[in-house]
Every structure is written in structure tokens, then in C-alpha cells.
């Protein structure tokens, strides 16, 4: 497992040299959210399609 610093260095290697700080922050944010999602799946914190639809129903009804 890489350290956070090593992960950032690897990410920066793959971004264009003219990337802005805002673009770098966005990529770090997305990476963090994906990692969190994968961890949630691994630990069983997931919803079935039906459960997700039921939870979203209150927001989608007008």
C-alpha cells in the first residue's frame, strides 16, 4: 500500500504539466471518493437497486 504522498506523486505524473491547482484538487477529490466507495463495497456498506430507489423516492416525487 502506497503512502498518501506517494499516491499524489503518481497522480501528478499522469496529469499534464499545465494542470491548474483547481484541476489537481478535483482529481484528488475524485480519487478519494472512488477509494471510499470501494472501501464501502468491501465492507458491505451497499444498497440494492430497490433500496436505493426507495431512499431516492422522497426526493424525486413532486
N, C-alpha and C. Protein backbone atom coordinates (compact mmCIF):
# COMPACT_ATOMS: atom_id res chain seq x y z
N UNK A 1 0.84 -1.18 0.00
CA UNK A 1 0.00 0.00 0.00
C UNK A 1 0.89 1.25 0.00
N UNK A 2 0.57 2.17 -0.91
CA UNK A 2 1.35 3.39 -1.02
C UNK A 2 0.93 4.40 0.04
N UNK A 3 1.87 5.25 0.41
CA UNK A 3 1.52 6.34 1.32
C UNK A 3 0.72 7.37 0.53
N UNK A 4 0.04 8.24 1.24
CA UNK A 4 -0.75 9.29 0.59
C UNK A 4 0.16 10.15 -0.29
N UNK A 5 1.34 10.45 0.20
CA UNK A 5 2.28 11.27 -0.57
C UNK A 5 2.67 10.57 -1.86
N UNK A 6 2.92 9.27 -1.80
CA UNK A 6 3.28 8.51 -3.00
C UNK A 6 2.13 8.49 -3.99
N UNK A 7 0.89 8.37 -3.50
CA UNK A 7 -0.27 8.37 -4.37
C UNK A 7 -0.41 9.70 -5.10
N UNK A 8 -0.16 10.79 -4.39
CA UNK A 8 -0.25 12.13 -5.00
C UNK A 8 0.83 12.28 -6.06
N UNK A 9 2.02 11.82 -5.77
CA UNK A 9 3.11 11.90 -6.74
C UNK A 9 2.76 11.13 -8.01
N UNK A 10 2.20 9.93 -7.86
CA UNK A 10 1.80 9.14 -9.01
C UNK A 10 0.70 9.84 -9.80
N UNK A 11 -0.25 10.42 -9.10
CA UNK A 11 -1.32 11.16 -9.77
C UNK A 11 -0.74 12.31 -10.58
N UNK A 12 0.17 13.07 -9.98
CA UNK A 12 0.77 14.22 -10.65
C UNK A 12 1.56 13.82 -11.89
N UNK A 13 2.16 12.64 -11.86
CA UNK A 13 2.92 12.16 -13.02
C UNK A 13 2.02 11.98 -14.24
N UNK A 14 0.75 11.68 -14.00
CA UNK A 14 -0.18 11.40 -15.10
C UNK A 14 -0.97 12.62 -15.57
N UNK A 15 -0.85 13.72 -14.88
CA UNK A 15 -1.56 14.93 -15.27
C UNK A 15 -0.67 15.79 -16.17
N UNK A 16 -1.29 16.56 -17.04
CA UNK A 16 -0.49 17.46 -17.90
C UNK A 16 0.30 18.46 -17.06
N UNK A 17 1.43 18.88 -17.59
CA UNK A 17 2.30 19.83 -16.88
C UNK A 17 1.61 21.17 -16.63
N UNK A 18 0.65 21.52 -17.46
CA UNK A 18 -0.02 22.81 -17.29
C UNK A 18 -1.31 22.72 -16.47
N UNK A 19 -1.47 21.65 -15.70
CA UNK A 19 -2.66 21.49 -14.85
C UNK A 19 -2.71 22.60 -13.81
N UNK A 20 -3.90 23.10 -13.58
CA UNK A 20 -4.07 24.13 -12.56
C UNK A 20 -4.23 23.48 -11.18
N UNK A 21 -4.08 24.28 -10.14
CA UNK A 21 -4.30 23.76 -8.79
C UNK A 21 -5.72 23.25 -8.65
N UNK A 22 -6.66 23.94 -9.25
CA UNK A 22 -8.06 23.52 -9.17
C UNK A 22 -8.26 22.14 -9.83
N UNK A 23 -7.62 21.91 -10.96
CA UNK A 23 -7.73 20.61 -11.63
C UNK A 23 -7.08 19.51 -10.79
N UNK A 24 -5.95 19.82 -10.18
CA UNK A 24 -5.28 18.84 -9.32
C UNK A 24 -6.15 18.51 -8.12
N UNK A 25 -6.75 19.53 -7.50
CA UNK A 25 -7.65 19.30 -6.36
C UNK A 25 -8.83 18.43 -6.77
N UNK A 26 -9.38 18.69 -7.96
CA UNK A 26 -10.52 17.91 -8.44
C UNK A 26 -10.13 16.44 -8.58
N UNK A 27 -8.97 16.18 -9.18
CA UNK A 27 -8.54 14.79 -9.36
C UNK A 27 -8.30 14.10 -8.02
N UNK A 28 -7.73 14.82 -7.06
CA UNK A 28 -7.55 14.25 -5.73
C UNK A 28 -8.88 13.95 -5.07
N UNK A 29 -9.85 14.86 -5.23
CA UNK A 29 -11.19 14.67 -4.66
C UNK A 29 -11.86 13.43 -5.25
N UNK A 30 -11.81 13.30 -6.57
CA UNK A 30 -12.44 12.15 -7.23
C UNK A 30 -11.76 10.86 -6.79
N UNK A 31 -10.45 10.87 -6.73
CA UNK A 31 -9.71 9.67 -6.30
C UNK A 31 -10.12 9.26 -4.89
N UNK A 32 -10.24 10.25 -3.99
CA UNK A 32 -10.64 9.97 -2.61
C UNK A 32 -12.05 9.37 -2.57
N UNK A 33 -12.97 9.91 -3.34
CA UNK A 33 -14.35 9.41 -3.34
C UNK A 33 -14.43 7.99 -3.90
N UNK A 34 -13.66 7.71 -4.94
CA UNK A 34 -13.64 6.36 -5.51
C UNK A 34 -13.08 5.37 -4.49
N UNK A 35 -11.98 5.74 -3.84
CA UNK A 35 -11.40 4.86 -2.83
C UNK A 35 -12.38 4.60 -1.68
N UNK A 36 -13.09 5.65 -1.26
CA UNK A 36 -14.08 5.49 -0.20
C UNK A 36 -15.20 4.55 -0.64
N UNK A 37 -15.64 4.70 -1.88
CA UNK A 37 -16.69 3.83 -2.40
C UNK A 37 -16.26 2.38 -2.47
N UNK A 38 -15.05 2.15 -2.93
CA UNK A 38 -14.53 0.78 -3.00
C UNK A 38 -14.41 0.17 -1.60
N UNK A 39 -13.99 0.98 -0.64
CA UNK A 39 -13.88 0.51 0.75
C UNK A 39 -15.27 0.16 1.30
N UNK A 40 -16.26 1.00 0.99
CA UNK A 40 -17.62 0.73 1.44
C UNK A 40 -18.15 -0.58 0.87
N UNK A 41 -17.87 -0.83 -0.40
CA UNK A 41 -18.31 -2.09 -1.03
C UNK A 41 -17.63 -3.26 -0.34
N UNK A 42 -16.34 -3.15 -0.12
CA UNK A 42 -15.58 -4.23 0.52
C UNK A 42 -16.11 -4.53 1.92
N UNK A 43 -16.56 -3.49 2.63
CA UNK A 43 -17.06 -3.65 3.99
C UNK A 43 -18.56 -3.88 4.06
N UNK A 44 -19.20 -4.04 2.90
CA UNK A 44 -20.62 -4.39 2.87
C UNK A 44 -21.57 -3.22 3.05
N UNK A 45 -21.11 -2.01 2.97
CA UNK A 45 -21.98 -0.84 3.13
C UNK A 45 -22.51 -0.44 1.75
N UNK A 46 -23.48 -1.23 1.28
CA UNK A 46 -24.05 -1.00 -0.04
C UNK A 46 -25.57 -1.11 0.03
N UNK A 47 -26.23 -0.61 -1.01
CA UNK A 47 -27.68 -0.72 -1.14
C UNK A 47 -27.99 -1.46 -2.43
N UNK A 48 -29.06 -2.24 -2.42
CA UNK A 48 -29.53 -2.85 -3.65
C UNK A 48 -30.18 -1.76 -4.50
N UNK A 49 -30.45 -2.06 -5.75
CA UNK A 49 -31.12 -1.09 -6.62
C UNK A 49 -32.46 -0.67 -6.02
N UNK A 50 -33.21 -1.65 -5.52
CA UNK A 50 -34.51 -1.36 -4.92
C UNK A 50 -34.41 -0.47 -3.69
N UNK A 51 -33.43 -0.75 -2.84
CA UNK A 51 -33.23 0.08 -1.65
C UNK A 51 -32.85 1.51 -2.03
N UNK A 52 -32.00 1.63 -3.03
CA UNK A 52 -31.58 2.96 -3.46
C UNK A 52 -32.76 3.74 -4.04
N UNK A 53 -33.58 3.07 -4.85
CA UNK A 53 -34.76 3.73 -5.42
C UNK A 53 -35.72 4.17 -4.32
N UNK A 54 -35.91 3.32 -3.32
CA UNK A 54 -36.80 3.67 -2.22
C UNK A 54 -36.28 4.89 -1.46
N UNK A 55 -34.96 4.94 -1.22
CA UNK A 55 -34.37 6.08 -0.50
C UNK A 55 -34.45 7.36 -1.31
N UNK A 56 -34.31 7.24 -2.63
CA UNK A 56 -34.34 8.41 -3.51
C UNK A 56 -35.77 8.88 -3.80
N UNK A 57 -36.73 8.00 -3.61
CA UNK A 57 -38.12 8.29 -3.97
C UNK A 57 -38.63 9.57 -3.34
N UNK A 58 -38.28 9.82 -2.09
CA UNK A 58 -38.78 11.01 -1.41
C UNK A 58 -38.26 12.30 -2.05
N UNK A 59 -37.10 12.24 -2.70
CA UNK A 59 -36.56 13.43 -3.36
C UNK A 59 -37.06 13.58 -4.78
N UNK A 60 -37.44 12.46 -5.38
CA UNK A 60 -37.84 12.50 -6.78
C UNK A 60 -39.32 12.79 -6.98
N UNK A 61 -40.13 12.58 -5.95
CA UNK A 61 -41.56 12.88 -6.05
C UNK A 61 -41.78 14.37 -5.91
N UNK A 62 -42.76 14.86 -6.65
CA UNK A 62 -43.07 16.30 -6.58
C UNK A 62 -44.43 16.51 -6.00
